[in-house]
Amino acid sequence: MKTFFIEFMHPRTRKRYGAKVEITYQIDKIIKFRISAGAKSITMDKHLYRKYNQWQTGITNFNPSLELRDKNKMLSDIRKLIDERLANG
């Protein structure tokens, strides 16, 4: 399947992270992603048939010491970067 790379920053420390994004499953209405950076990984689904709340985050092994708002901001940035990448081809 399709693979690409993204870069995002930690909201407070401004440290840059790179991640590999793999599209593991794709049909007309759902795209499943596996985002991995080092030993950390996340699975995310994008439901194309929904107008709102399209993203669903699955299994994650993010750093548990991250504050919830930092984790949510990083996930939001990742979603935005993936959307931009998909729109640009």
C-alpha atoms as a PDB file:
ATOM      1  CA  MET A   1       0.000   0.000   0.000  1.00  0.00           C
ATOM      2  CA  LYS A   2       0.943   3.667  -0.114  1.00  0.00           C
ATOM      3  CA  THR A   3       3.564   4.995   2.337  1.00  0.00           C
ATOM      4  CA  PHE A   4       4.691   8.562   3.026  1.00  0.00           C
ATOM      5  CA  PHE A   5       6.465  10.562   5.728  1.00  0.00           C
ATOM      6  CA  ILE A   6       5.282  13.507   7.828  1.00  0.00           C
ATOM      7  CA  GLU A   7       6.926  15.854  10.337  1.00  0.00           C
ATOM      8  CA  PHE A   8       5.193  17.373  13.336  1.00  0.00           C
ATOM      9  CA  MET A   9       6.204  19.225  16.502  1.00  0.00           C
ATOM     10  CA  HIS A  10       5.629  18.750  20.203  1.00  0.00           C
ATOM     11  CA  PRO A  11       3.320  21.626  21.208  1.00  0.00           C
ATOM     12  CA  ARG A  12       5.403  22.848  24.153  1.00  0.00           C
ATOM     13  CA  THR A  13       9.024  21.914  23.493  1.00  0.00           C
ATOM     14  CA  ARG A  14       8.776  22.541  19.734  1.00  0.00           C
ATOM     15  CA  LYS A  15      10.868  19.404  19.194  1.00  0.00           C
ATOM     16  CA  ARG A  16      10.369  17.973  15.699  1.00  0.00           C
ATOM     17  CA  TYR A  17       9.333  14.380  15.122  1.00  0.00           C
ATOM     18  CA  GLY A  18       9.216  12.419  11.902  1.00  0.00           C
ATOM     19  CA  ALA A  19       6.725   9.628  11.314  1.00  0.00           C
ATOM     20  CA  LYS A  20       6.029   7.069   8.624  1.00  0.00           C
ATOM     21  CA  VAL A  21       2.402   6.816   7.527  1.00  0.00           C
ATOM     22  CA  GLU A  22       1.185   3.622   5.869  1.00  0.00           C
ATOM     23  CA  ILE A  23      -2.243   3.187   4.347  1.00  0.00           C
ATOM     24  CA  THR A  24      -3.056  -0.343   5.464  1.00  0.00           C
ATOM     25  CA  TYR A  25      -6.623  -0.606   4.166  1.00  0.00           C
ATOM     26  CA  GLN A  26      -8.682   1.461   1.772  1.00  0.00           C
ATOM     27  CA  ILE A  27     -12.183   1.164   0.387  1.00  0.00           C
ATOM     28  CA  ASP A  28     -14.623   3.807  -0.855  1.00  0.00           C
ATOM     29  CA  LYS A  29     -15.733   4.885   2.611  1.00  0.00           C
ATOM     30  CA  ILE A  30     -12.872   4.071   5.017  1.00  0.00           C
ATOM     31  CA  ILE A  31      -9.099   4.548   4.991  1.00  0.00           C
ATOM     32  CA  LYS A  32      -7.005   2.900   7.721  1.00  0.00           C
ATOM     33  CA  PHE A  33      -3.585   4.295   8.610  1.00  0.00           C
ATOM     34  CA  ARG A  34      -0.664   3.053  10.682  1.00  0.00           C
ATOM     35  CA  ILE A  35       1.562   5.891  11.876  1.00  0.00           C
ATOM     36  CA  SER A  36       4.910   4.859  13.335  1.00  0.00           C
ATOM     37  CA  ALA A  37       7.871   6.780  14.702  1.00  0.00           C
ATOM     38  CA  GLY A  38      10.579   4.667  16.284  1.00  0.00           C
ATOM     39  CA  ALA A  39       9.006   2.250  18.753  1.00  0.00           C
ATOM     40  CA  LYS A  40       5.766   4.250  18.974  1.00  0.00           C
ATOM     41  CA  SER A  41       2.804   3.631  16.691  1.00  0.00           C
ATOM     42  CA  ILE A  42      -0.845   4.577  16.261  1.00  0.00           C
ATOM     43  CA  THR A  43      -3.653   3.179  14.161  1.00  0.00           C
ATOM     44  CA  MET A  44      -6.192   5.669  12.833  1.00  0.00           C
ATOM     45  CA  ASP A  45      -9.276   5.354  10.663  1.00  0.00           C
ATOM     46  CA  LYS A  46     -10.804   8.034   8.501  1.00  0.00           C
ATOM     47  CA  HIS A  47     -14.506   7.550   7.761  1.00  0.00           C
ATOM     48  CA  LEU A  48     -15.141   9.381   4.491  1.00  0.00           C
ATOM     49  CA  TYR A  49     -18.920   8.976   4.602  1.00  0.00           C
ATOM     50  CA  ARG A  50     -19.215  11.104   7.763  1.00  0.00           C
ATOM     51  CA  LYS A  51     -19.558  14.865   7.537  1.00  0.00           C
ATOM     52  CA  TYR A  52     -18.260  15.451  11.082  1.00  0.00           C
ATOM     53  CA  ASN A  53     -16.029  13.444  13.407  1.00  0.00           C
ATOM     54  CA  GLN A  54     -14.380  11.575  10.539  1.00  0.00           C
ATOM     55  CA  TRP A  55     -11.275  10.451  12.448  1.00  0.00           C
ATOM     56  CA  GLN A  56     -11.135   7.570  14.892  1.00  0.00           C
ATOM     57  CA  THR A  57      -7.936   6.823  16.803  1.00  0.00           C
ATOM     58  CA  GLY A  58      -7.346   3.187  17.549  1.00  0.00           C
ATOM     59  CA  ILE A  59      -4.534   1.484  19.389  1.00  0.00           C
ATOM     60  CA  THR A  60      -1.839   3.870  20.532  1.00  0.00           C
ATOM     61  CA  ASN A  61       1.329   3.492  22.550  1.00  0.00           C
ATOM     62  CA  PHE A  62       2.192   7.161  22.850  1.00  0.00           C
ATOM     63  CA  ASN A  63       4.374   8.228  25.729  1.00  0.00           C
ATOM     64  CA  PRO A  64       2.116   7.921  28.816  1.00  0.00           C
ATOM     65  CA  SER A  65       3.876  10.850  30.493  1.00  0.00           C
ATOM     66  CA  LEU A  66       2.470  13.269  27.890  1.00  0.00           C
ATOM     67  CA  GLU A  67      -0.315  15.482  29.139  1.00  0.00           C
ATOM     68  CA  LEU A  68      -3.688  14.841  27.542  1.00  0.00           C
ATOM     69  CA  ARG A  69      -3.838  18.244  25.838  1.00  0.00           C
ATOM     70  CA  ASP A  70      -0.347  17.726  24.348  1.00  0.00           C
ATOM     71  CA  LYS A  71      -1.334  14.288  23.075  1.00  0.00           C
ATOM     72  CA  ASN A  72      -4.566  15.623  21.568  1.00  0.00           C
ATOM     73  CA  LYS A  73      -2.734  18.518  19.890  1.00  0.00           C
ATOM     74  CA  MET A  74      -0.173  16.145  18.358  1.00  0.00           C
ATOM     75  CA  LEU A  75      -2.922  13.829  17.091  1.00  0.00           C
ATOM     76  CA  SER A  76      -4.753  16.815  15.623  1.00  0.00           C
ATOM     77  CA  ASP A  77      -1.582  17.947  13.842  1.00  0.00           C
ATOM     78  CA  ILE A  78      -1.033  14.435  12.476  1.00  0.00           C
ATOM     79  CA  ARG A  79      -4.604  14.301  11.139  1.00  0.00           C
ATOM     80  CA  LYS A  80      -4.201  17.686   9.468  1.00  0.00           C
ATOM     81  CA  LEU A  81      -0.900  16.672   7.848  1.00  0.00           C
ATOM     82  CA  ILE A  82      -2.402  13.427   6.525  1.00  0.00           C
ATOM     83  CA  ASP A  83      -5.412  15.308   5.121  1.00  0.00           C
ATOM     84  CA  GLU A  84      -3.103  17.767   3.364  1.00  0.00           C
ATOM     85  CA  ARG A  85      -0.988  14.948   1.960  1.00  0.00           C
ATOM     86  CA  LEU A  86      -4.041  13.059   0.661  1.00  0.00           C
ATOM     87  CA  ALA A  87      -5.433  16.231  -0.934  1.00  0.00           C
ATOM     88  CA  ASN A  88      -2.148  16.912  -2.741  1.00  0.00           C
ATOM     89  CA  GLY A  89      -1.823  13.340  -3.966  1.00  0.00           C
END
